[in-house]
Amino acid sequence: MELGPITGLYVDGQDATDSIRTPEPWALDHQVHLFAQSEVRPGPLTDEGERWMERQQTGKVMVVCTCGYSSGLIDHAELEDTVASLAVEHTPTPASG
């Protein structure tokens, strides 16, 4: 017996051909993250002989996306324009379900 190609799908006698879907193509996921660069140094000794770490921001930030994009270190002043330009092409991928 020779079988031909499947041309339709029937479930319980009903035509369900429209429910056959071609899988969507794969696309890169987009999730933008921001990282602020900071500096650290040991602080002065306390009266108890303990030493705390001091931290301060350098004024540099990095914008990265899970698709592989990275801005490298940029001045904090450039952050708003950089993120705005990424908003169109790096829109977060919605969760399915």
PDB file of N, CA and C in Angstrom:
ATOM      1  N   MET A   1       0.838  -1.163   0.000  1.00  0.00           N
ATOM      2  CA  MET A   1       0.000   0.000   0.000  1.00  0.00           C
ATOM      3  C   MET A   1       0.891   1.238   0.000  1.00  0.00           C
ATOM      4  N   GLU A   2       0.572   2.176  -0.843  1.00  0.00           N
ATOM      5  CA  GLU A   2       1.344   3.414  -0.941  1.00  0.00           C
ATOM      6  C   GLU A   2       0.523   4.545  -0.336  1.00  0.00           C
ATOM      7  N   LEU A   3       1.185   5.359   0.509  1.00  0.00           N
ATOM      8  CA  LEU A   3       0.496   6.474   1.150  1.00  0.00           C
ATOM      9  C   LEU A   3       0.926   7.780   0.503  1.00  0.00           C
ATOM     10  N   GLY A   4       0.001   8.679   0.351  1.00  0.00           N
ATOM     11  CA  GLY A   4       0.305   9.999  -0.203  1.00  0.00           C
ATOM     12  C   GLY A   4       0.577  10.989   0.925  1.00  0.00           C
ATOM     13  N   PRO A   5       0.871  12.213   0.582  1.00  0.00           N
ATOM     14  CA  PRO A   5       1.134  13.231   1.608  1.00  0.00           C
ATOM     15  C   PRO A   5      -0.136  13.557   2.390  1.00  0.00           C
ATOM     16  N   ILE A   6       0.047  14.019   3.600  1.00  0.00           N
ATOM     17  CA  ILE A   6      -1.094  14.427   4.422  1.00  0.00           C
ATOM     18  C   ILE A   6      -1.562  15.783   3.907  1.00  0.00           C
ATOM     19  N   THR A   7      -2.813  15.859   3.534  1.00  0.00           N
ATOM     20  CA  THR A   7      -3.342  17.110   2.985  1.00  0.00           C
ATOM     21  C   THR A   7      -4.334  17.770   3.918  1.00  0.00           C
ATOM     22  N   GLY A   8      -4.672  17.124   4.989  1.00  0.00           N
ATOM     23  CA  GLY A   8      -5.622  17.694   5.927  1.00  0.00           C
ATOM     24  C   GLY A   8      -5.575  16.949   7.231  1.00  0.00           C
ATOM     25  N   LEU A   9      -6.139  17.533   8.238  1.00  0.00           N
ATOM     26  CA  LEU A   9      -6.182  16.923   9.561  1.00  0.00           C
ATOM     27  C   LEU A   9      -7.634  16.885  10.008  1.00  0.00           C
ATOM     28  N   TYR A  10      -8.076  15.711  10.390  1.00  0.00           N
ATOM     29  CA  TYR A  10      -9.453  15.555  10.842  1.00  0.00           C
ATOM     30  C   TYR A  10      -9.444  14.986  12.253  1.00  0.00           C
ATOM     31  N   VAL A  11     -10.152  15.633  13.145  1.00  0.00           N
ATOM     32  CA  VAL A  11     -10.277  15.194  14.524  1.00  0.00           C
ATOM     33  C   VAL A  11     -11.761  14.970  14.791  1.00  0.00           C
ATOM     34  N   ASP A  12     -12.080  13.764  15.195  1.00  0.00           N
ATOM     35  CA  ASP A  12     -13.487  13.397  15.442  1.00  0.00           C
ATOM     36  C   ASP A  12     -14.377  13.780  14.261  1.00  0.00           C
ATOM     37  N   GLY A  13     -13.867  13.564  13.044  1.00  0.00           N
ATOM     38  CA  GLY A  13     -14.647  13.839  11.848  1.00  0.00           C
ATOM     39  C   GLY A  13     -14.714  15.302  11.456  1.00  0.00           C
ATOM     40  N   GLN A  14     -14.075  16.185  12.242  1.00  0.00           N
ATOM     41  CA  GLN A  14     -14.099  17.622  11.953  1.00  0.00           C
ATOM     42  C   GLN A  14     -12.776  18.030  11.308  1.00  0.00           C
ATOM     43  N   ASP A  15     -12.852  18.902  10.321  1.00  0.00           N
ATOM     44  CA  ASP A  15     -11.648  19.393   9.649  1.00  0.00           C
ATOM     45  C   ASP A  15     -10.878  20.304  10.606  1.00  0.00           C
ATOM     46  N   ALA A  16      -9.678  19.891  10.974  1.00  0.00           N
ATOM     47  CA  ALA A  16      -8.831  20.667  11.882  1.00  0.00           C
ATOM     48  C   ALA A  16      -7.541  21.087  11.183  1.00  0.00           C
ATOM     49  N   THR A  17      -7.573  21.170   9.860  1.00  0.00           N
ATOM     50  CA  THR A  17      -6.386  21.498   9.072  1.00  0.00           C
ATOM     51  C   THR A  17      -5.808  22.847   9.475  1.00  0.00           C
ATOM     52  N   ASP A  18      -6.677  23.827   9.811  1.00  0.00           N
ATOM     53  CA  ASP A  18      -6.194  25.164  10.186  1.00  0.00           C
ATOM     54  C   ASP A  18      -5.384  25.156  11.479  1.00  0.00           C
ATOM     55  N   SER A  19      -5.492  24.100  12.269  1.00  0.00           N
ATOM     56  CA  SER A  19      -4.743  24.046  13.520  1.00  0.00           C
ATOM     57  C   SER A  19      -3.300  23.594  13.316  1.00  0.00           C
ATOM     58  N   ILE A  20      -2.971  23.151  12.093  1.00  0.00           N
ATOM     59  CA  ILE A  20      -1.585  22.783  11.796  1.00  0.00           C
ATOM     60  C   ILE A  20      -0.819  24.079  11.556  1.00  0.00           C
ATOM     61  N   ARG A  21       0.163  24.317  12.367  1.00  0.00           N
ATOM     62  CA  ARG A  21       0.915  25.573  12.263  1.00  0.00           C
ATOM     63  C   ARG A  21       2.383  25.279  12.001  1.00  0.00           C
ATOM     64  N   THR A  22       2.961  26.117  11.176  1.00  0.00           N
ATOM     65  CA  THR A  22       4.398  26.051  10.969  1.00  0.00           C
ATOM     66  C   THR A  22       5.046  26.715  12.175  1.00  0.00           C
ATOM     67  N   PRO A  23       6.052  26.099  12.769  1.00  0.00           N
ATOM     68  CA  PRO A  23       6.700  26.720  13.927  1.00  0.00           C
ATOM     69  C   PRO A  23       7.281  28.084  13.562  1.00  0.00           C
ATOM     70  N   GLU A  24       7.197  28.997  14.518  1.00  0.00           N
ATOM     71  CA  GLU A  24       7.781  30.322  14.323  1.00  0.00           C
ATOM     72  C   GLU A  24       9.297  30.190  14.259  1.00  0.00           C
ATOM     73  N   PRO A  25       9.966  31.055  13.495  1.00  0.00           N
ATOM     74  CA  PRO A  25      11.428  30.995  13.428  1.00  0.00           C
ATOM     75  C   PRO A  25      12.042  31.453  14.758  1.00  0.00           C
ATOM     76  N   TRP A  26      13.234  30.996  15.027  1.00  0.00           N
ATOM     77  CA  TRP A  26      13.950  31.404  16.229  1.00  0.00           C
ATOM     78  C   TRP A  26      14.412  32.846  16.076  1.00  0.00           C
ATOM     79  N   ALA A  27      14.435  33.582  17.168  1.00  0.00           N
ATOM     80  CA  ALA A  27      14.916  34.963  17.184  1.00  0.00           C
ATOM     81  C   ALA A  27      15.700  35.167  18.472  1.00  0.00           C
ATOM     82  N   LEU A  28      16.618  36.099  18.441  1.00  0.00           N
ATOM     83  CA  LEU A  28      17.406  36.391  19.641  1.00  0.00           C
ATOM     84  C   LEU A  28      16.526  37.019  20.711  1.00  0.00           C
ATOM     85  N   ASP A  29      16.762  36.636  21.932  1.00  0.00           N
ATOM     86  CA  ASP A  29      16.060  37.185  23.078  1.00  0.00           C
ATOM     87  C   ASP A  29      16.702  38.517  23.437  1.00  0.00           C
ATOM     88  N   HIS A  30      15.899  39.480  23.879  1.00  0.00           N
ATOM     89  CA  HIS A  30      16.417  40.799  24.265  1.00  0.00           C
ATOM     90  C   HIS A  30      16.026  41.106  25.701  1.00  0.00           C
ATOM     91  N   GLN A  31      17.021  41.275  26.535  1.00  0.00           N
ATOM     92  CA  GLN A  31      16.842  41.742  27.903  1.00  0.00           C
ATOM     93  C   GLN A  31      18.013  42.661  28.192  1.00  0.00           C
ATOM     94  N   VAL A  32      17.728  43.957  28.263  1.00  0.00           N
ATOM     95  CA  VAL A  32      18.774  44.962  28.458  1.00  0.00           C
ATOM     96  C   VAL A  32      19.069  45.100  29.952  1.00  0.00           C
ATOM     97  N   HIS A  33      20.358  45.149  30.267  1.00  0.00           N
ATOM     98  CA  HIS A  33      20.812  45.313  31.650  1.00  0.00           C
ATOM     99  C   HIS A  33      21.813  46.464  31.705  1.00  0.00           C
ATOM    100  N   LEU A  34      21.820  47.169  32.823  1.00  0.00           N
ATOM    101  CA  LEU A  34      22.741  48.279  33.033  1.00  0.00           C
ATOM    102  C   LEU A  34      23.639  47.957  34.212  1.00  0.00           C
ATOM    103  N   PHE A  35      24.917  48.258  34.056  1.00  0.00           N
ATOM    104  CA  PHE A  35      25.884  48.051  35.133  1.00  0.00           C
ATOM    105  C   PHE A  35      26.656  49.346  35.347  1.00  0.00           C
ATOM    106  N   ALA A  36      26.705  49.794  36.578  1.00  0.00           N
ATOM    107  CA  ALA A  36      27.455  50.996  36.923  1.00  0.00           C
ATOM    108  C   ALA A  36      28.828  50.582  37.440  1.00  0.00           C
ATOM    109  N   GLN A  37      29.855  51.225  36.916  1.00  0.00           N
ATOM    110  CA  GLN A  37      31.222  50.934  37.370  1.00  0.00           C
ATOM    111  C   GLN A  37      31.472  51.663  38.686  1.00  0.00           C
ATOM    112  N   SER A  38      32.143  50.997  39.598  1.00  0.00           N
ATOM    113  CA  SER A  38      32.483  51.624  40.872  1.00  0.00           C
ATOM    114  C   SER A  38      33.927  51.309  41.227  1.00  0.00           C
ATOM    115  N   GLU A  39      34.458  52.128  42.117  1.00  0.00           N
ATOM    116  CA  GLU A  39      35.816  51.926  42.636  1.00  0.00           C
ATOM    117  C   GLU A  39      35.703  51.559  44.108  1.00  0.00           C
ATOM    118  N   VAL A  40      36.670  50.835  44.595  1.00  0.00           N
ATOM    119  CA  VAL A  40      36.649  50.409  45.988  1.00  0.00           C
ATOM    120  C   VAL A  40      38.053  50.554  46.567  1.00  0.00           C
ATOM    121  N   ARG A  41      38.111  50.901  47.846  1.00  0.00           N
ATOM    122  CA  ARG A  41      39.400  50.959  48.549  1.00  0.00           C
ATOM    123  C   ARG A  41      39.149  50.728  50.036  1.00  0.00           C
ATOM    124  N   PRO A  42      40.173  50.243  50.738  1.00  0.00           N
ATOM    125  CA  PRO A  42      40.025  50.074  52.191  1.00  0.00           C
ATOM    126  C   PRO A  42      39.918  51.445  52.859  1.00  0.00           C
ATOM    127  N   GLY A  43      38.978  51.558  53.780  1.00  0.00           N
ATOM    128  CA  GLY A  43      38.824  52.802  54.521  1.00  0.00           C
ATOM    129  C   GLY A  43      39.789  52.845  55.700  1.00  0.00           C
ATOM    130  N   PRO A  44      39.736  53.921  56.450  1.00  0.00           N
ATOM    131  CA  PRO A  44      40.616  54.033  57.620  1.00  0.00           C
ATOM    132  C   PRO A  44      40.208  53.051  58.721  1.00  0.00           C
ATOM    133  N   LEU A  45      41.134  52.748  59.589  1.00  0.00           N
ATOM    134  CA  LEU A  45      40.830  51.878  60.726  1.00  0.00           C
ATOM    135  C   LEU A  45      39.900  52.584  61.696  1.00  0.00           C
ATOM    136  N   THR A  46      38.940  51.822  62.229  1.00  0.00           N
ATOM    137  CA  THR A  46      38.060  52.374  63.261  1.00  0.00           C
ATOM    138  C   THR A  46      38.783  52.285  64.605  1.00  0.00           C
ATOM    139  N   ASP A  47      38.166  52.855  65.628  1.00  0.00           N
ATOM    140  CA  ASP A  47      38.745  52.788  66.981  1.00  0.00           C
ATOM    141  C   ASP A  47      38.878  51.344  67.455  1.00  0.00           C
ATOM    142  N   GLU A  48      38.033  50.450  66.907  1.00  0.00           N
ATOM    143  CA  GLU A  48      38.064  49.033  67.284  1.00  0.00           C
ATOM    144  C   GLU A  48      39.059  48.249  66.428  1.00  0.00           C
ATOM    145  N   GLY A  49      39.758  48.900  65.532  1.00  0.00           N
ATOM    146  CA  GLY A  49      40.737  48.223  64.688  1.00  0.00           C
ATOM    147  C   GLY A  49      40.139  47.555  63.458  1.00  0.00           C
ATOM    148  N   GLU A  50      38.885  47.855  63.150  1.00  0.00           N
ATOM    149  CA  GLU A  50      38.243  47.282  61.973  1.00  0.00           C
ATOM    150  C   GLU A  50      38.424  48.218  60.775  1.00  0.00           C
ATOM    151  N   ARG A  51      38.320  47.642  59.608  1.00  0.00           N
ATOM    152  CA  ARG A  51      38.459  48.441  58.395  1.00  0.00           C
ATOM    153  C   ARG A  51      37.265  48.147  57.485  1.00  0.00           C
ATOM    154  N   TRP A  52      36.568  49.167  57.075  1.00  0.00           N
ATOM    155  CA  TRP A  52      35.442  49.067  56.154  1.00  0.00           C
ATOM    156  C   TRP A  52      35.921  49.408  54.747  1.00  0.00           C
ATOM    157  N   MET A  53      35.223  48.878  53.772  1.00  0.00           N
ATOM    158  CA  MET A  53      35.546  49.209  52.385  1.00  0.00           C
ATOM    159  C   MET A  53      34.745  50.436  51.975  1.00  0.00           C
ATOM    160  N   GLU A  54      35.397  51.350  51.288  1.00  0.00           N
ATOM    161  CA  GLU A  54      34.734  52.537  50.751  1.00  0.00           C
ATOM    162  C   GLU A  54      34.491  52.310  49.261  1.00  0.00           C
ATOM    163  N   ARG A  55      33.344  52.743  48.797  1.00  0.00           N
ATOM    164  CA  ARG A  55      33.002  52.597  47.375  1.00  0.00           C
ATOM    165  C   ARG A  55      32.505  53.916  46.834  1.00  0.00           C
ATOM    166  N   GLN A  56      32.805  54.165  45.564  1.00  0.00           N
ATOM    167  CA  GLN A  56      32.248  55.340  44.900  1.00  0.00           C
ATOM    168  C   GLN A  56      32.047  55.024  43.423  1.00  0.00           C
ATOM    169  N   GLN A  57      31.055  55.673  42.832  1.00  0.00           N
ATOM    170  CA  GLN A  57      30.773  55.504  41.413  1.00  0.00           C
ATOM    171  C   GLN A  57      31.820  56.267  40.592  1.00  0.00           C
ATOM    172  N   THR A  58      32.177  55.701  39.444  1.00  0.00           N
ATOM    173  CA  THR A  58      33.152  56.359  38.569  1.00  0.00           C
ATOM    174  C   THR A  58      32.487  57.297  37.570  1.00  0.00           C
ATOM    175  N   GLY A  59      31.158  57.176  37.420  1.00  0.00           N
ATOM    176  CA  GLY A  59      30.462  57.970  36.415  1.00  0.00           C
ATOM    177  C   GLY A  59      30.372  57.255  35.072  1.00  0.00           C
ATOM    178  N   LYS A  60      30.845  56.007  35.036  1.00  0.00           N
ATOM    179  CA  LYS A  60      30.784  55.195  33.815  1.00  0.00           C
ATOM    180  C   LYS A  60      29.752  54.089  34.006  1.00  0.00           C
ATOM    181  N   VAL A  61      29.066  53.732  32.924  1.00  0.00           N
ATOM    182  CA  VAL A  61      28.093  52.643  32.940  1.00  0.00           C
ATOM    183  C   VAL A  61      28.297  51.781  31.705  1.00  0.00           C
ATOM    184  N   MET A  62      27.750  50.570  31.735  1.00  0.00           N
ATOM    185  CA  MET A  62      27.777  49.673  30.584  1.00  0.00           C
ATOM    186  C   MET A  62      26.364  49.162  30.360  1.00  0.00           C
ATOM    187  N   VAL A  63      25.928  49.191  29.112  1.00  0.00           N
ATOM    188  CA  VAL A  63      24.628  48.668  28.723  1.00  0.00           C
ATOM    189  C   VAL A  63      24.887  47.382  27.953  1.00  0.00           C
ATOM    190  N   VAL A  64      24.271  46.274  28.388  1.00  0.00           N
ATOM    191  CA  VAL A  64      24.423  44.999  27.705  1.00  0.00           C
ATOM    192  C   VAL A  64      23.045  44.403  27.455  1.00  0.00           C
ATOM    193  N   CYS A  65      22.942  43.594  26.410  1.00  0.00           N
ATOM    194  CA  CYS A  65      21.698  42.905  26.077  1.00  0.00           C
ATOM    195  C   CYS A  65      22.018  41.424  25.925  1.00  0.00           C
ATOM    196  N   THR A  66      21.067  40.578  26.255  1.00  0.00           N
ATOM    197  CA  THR A  66      21.291  39.140  26.149  1.00  0.00           C
ATOM    198  C   THR A  66      21.496  38.679  24.712  1.00  0.00           C
ATOM    199  N   CYS A  67      21.208  39.543  23.737  1.00  0.00           N
ATOM    200  CA  CYS A  67      21.436  39.187  22.333  1.00  0.00           C
ATOM    201  C   CYS A  67      22.917  39.308  21.971  1.00  0.00           C
ATOM    202  N   GLY A  68      23.727  39.918  22.859  1.00  0.00           N
ATOM    203  CA  GLY A  68      25.151  40.048  22.601  1.00  0.00           C
ATOM    204  C   GLY A  68      25.622  41.484  22.495  1.00  0.00           C
ATOM    205  N   TYR A  69      24.708  42.442  22.425  1.00  0.00           N
ATOM    206  CA  TYR A  69      25.094  43.849  22.335  1.00  0.00           C
ATOM    207  C   TYR A  69      25.762  44.305  23.625  1.00  0.00           C
ATOM    208  N   SER A  70      26.798  45.120  23.504  1.00  0.00           N
ATOM    209  CA  SER A  70      27.439  45.754  24.650  1.00  0.00           C
ATOM    210  C   SER A  70      27.902  47.141  24.227  1.00  0.00           C
ATOM    211  N   SER A  71      27.586  48.131  25.039  1.00  0.00           N
ATOM    212  CA  SER A  71      27.989  49.503  24.732  1.00  0.00           C
ATOM    213  C   SER A  71      29.445  49.762  25.093  1.00  0.00           C
ATOM    214  N   GLY A  72      30.038  48.877  25.906  1.00  0.00           N
ATOM    215  CA  GLY A  72      31.329  49.209  26.499  1.00  0.00           C
ATOM    216  C   GLY A  72      31.079  50.270  27.567  1.00  0.00           C
ATOM    217  N   LEU A  73      32.117  50.716  28.228  1.00  0.00           N
ATOM    218  CA  LEU A  73      31.932  51.733  29.259  1.00  0.00           C
ATOM    219  C   LEU A  73      31.676  53.087  28.599  1.00  0.00           C
ATOM    220  N   ILE A  74      30.587  53.712  28.994  1.00  0.00           N
ATOM    221  CA  ILE A  74      30.229  55.035  28.483  1.00  0.00           C
ATOM    222  C   ILE A  74      29.978  55.958  29.666  1.00  0.00           C
ATOM    223  N   ASP A  75      30.044  57.262  29.419  1.00  0.00           N
ATOM    224  CA  ASP A  75      29.741  58.230  30.476  1.00  0.00           C
ATOM    225  C   ASP A  75      28.274  58.133  30.859  1.00  0.00           C
ATOM    226  N   HIS A  76      27.990  58.310  32.139  1.00  0.00           N
ATOM    227  CA  HIS A  76      26.616  58.242  32.625  1.00  0.00           C
ATOM    228  C   HIS A  76      25.720  59.216  31.861  1.00  0.00           C
ATOM    229  N   ALA A  77      26.271  60.346  31.436  1.00  0.00           N
ATOM    230  CA  ALA A  77      25.499  61.349  30.694  1.00  0.00           C
ATOM    231  C   ALA A  77      24.979  60.806  29.356  1.00  0.00           C
ATOM    232  N   GLU A  78      25.635  59.783  28.797  1.00  0.00           N
ATOM    233  CA  GLU A  78      25.226  59.196  27.522  1.00  0.00           C
ATOM    234  C   GLU A  78      24.171  58.097  27.697  1.00  0.00           C
ATOM    235  N   LEU A  79      23.903  57.711  28.927  1.00  0.00           N
ATOM    236  CA  LEU A  79      23.037  56.564  29.196  1.00  0.00           C
ATOM    237  C   LEU A  79      21.631  56.725  28.621  1.00  0.00           C
ATOM    238  N   GLU A  80      20.995  57.844  28.865  1.00  0.00           N
ATOM    239  CA  GLU A  80      19.610  58.029  28.418  1.00  0.00           C
ATOM    240  C   GLU A  80      19.490  57.913  26.895  1.00  0.00           C
ATOM    241  N   ASP A  81      20.393  58.563  26.164  1.00  0.00           N
ATOM    242  CA  ASP A  81      20.350  58.490  24.696  1.00  0.00           C
ATOM    243  C   ASP A  81      20.648  57.074  24.206  1.00  0.00           C
ATOM    244  N   THR A  82      21.597  56.396  24.856  1.00  0.00           N
ATOM    245  CA  THR A  82      21.959  55.029  24.456  1.00  0.00           C
ATOM    246  C   THR A  82      20.781  54.079  24.647  1.00  0.00           C
ATOM    247  N   VAL A  83      20.133  54.138  25.793  1.00  0.00           N
ATOM    248  CA  VAL A  83      19.001  53.256  26.068  1.00  0.00           C
ATOM    249  C   VAL A  83      17.830  53.593  25.138  1.00  0.00           C
ATOM    250  N   ALA A  84      17.604  54.870  24.878  1.00  0.00           N
ATOM    251  CA  ALA A  84      16.508  55.262  23.978  1.00  0.00           C
ATOM    252  C   ALA A  84      16.740  54.716  22.570  1.00  0.00           C
ATOM    253  N   SER A  85      17.982  54.737  22.104  1.00  0.00           N
ATOM    254  CA  SER A  85      18.259  54.226  20.757  1.00  0.00           C
ATOM    255  C   SER A  85      18.136  52.698  20.691  1.00  0.00           C
ATOM    256  N   LEU A  86      18.326  52.025  21.812  1.00  0.00           N
ATOM    257  CA  LEU A  86      18.193  50.570  21.853  1.00  0.00           C
ATOM    258  C   LEU A  86      16.744  50.109  21.997  1.00  0.00           C
ATOM    259  N   ALA A  87      15.874  50.990  22.444  1.00  0.00           N
ATOM    260  CA  ALA A  87      14.504  50.608  22.790  1.00  0.00           C
ATOM    261  C   ALA A  87      13.767  49.938  21.634  1.00  0.00           C
ATOM    262  N   VAL A  88      14.014  50.374  20.414  1.00  0.00           N
ATOM    263  CA  VAL A  88      13.286  49.821  19.271  1.00  0.00           C
ATOM    264  C   VAL A  88      13.792  48.430  18.921  1.00  0.00           C
ATOM    265  N   GLU A  89      15.097  48.263  18.791  1.00  0.00           N
ATOM    266  CA  GLU A  89      15.656  46.982  18.345  1.00  0.00           C
ATOM    267  C   GLU A  89      15.846  45.977  19.472  1.00  0.00           C
ATOM    268  N   HIS A  90      15.842  46.426  20.701  1.00  0.00           N
ATOM    269  CA  HIS A  90      16.106  45.537  21.824  1.00  0.00           C
ATOM    270  C   HIS A  90      14.927  45.497  22.799  1.00  0.00           C
ATOM    271  N   THR A  91      13.723  45.474  22.255  1.00  0.00           N
ATOM    272  CA  THR A  91      12.520  45.382  23.066  1.00  0.00           C
ATOM    273  C   THR A  91      12.515  44.025  23.765  1.00  0.00           C
ATOM    274  N   PRO A  92      12.257  44.017  25.075  1.00  0.00           N
ATOM    275  CA  PRO A  92      12.243  42.718  25.777  1.00  0.00           C
ATOM    276  C   PRO A  92      11.296  41.730  25.115  1.00  0.00           C
ATOM    277  N   THR A  93      11.730  40.483  25.039  1.00  0.00           N
ATOM    278  CA  THR A  93      10.922  39.424  24.468  1.00  0.00           C
ATOM    279  C   THR A  93       9.818  39.068  25.454  1.00  0.00           C
ATOM    280  N   PRO A  94       8.543  39.126  25.038  1.00  0.00           N
ATOM    281  CA  PRO A  94       7.460  38.818  25.979  1.00  0.00           C
ATOM    282  C   PRO A  94       7.475  37.343  26.379  1.00  0.00           C
ATOM    283  N   ALA A  95       7.049  37.102  27.589  1.00  0.00           N
ATOM    284  CA  ALA A  95       6.934  35.724  28.080  1.00  0.00           C
ATOM    285  C   ALA A  95       5.746  35.055  27.391  1.00  0.00           C
ATOM    286  N   SER A  96       5.876  33.788  27.108  1.00  0.00           N
ATOM    287  CA  SER A  96       4.756  33.065  26.490  1.00  0.00           C
ATOM    288  C   SER A  96       3.900  32.456  27.579  1.00  0.00           C
ATOM    289  N   GLY A  97       2.680  32.228  27.231  1.00  0.00           N
ATOM    290  CA  GLY A  97       1.842  31.532  28.191  1.00  0.00           C
ATOM    291  C   GLY A  97       0.570  32.146  28.427  1.00  0.00           C
TER     292      GLY A  97
END
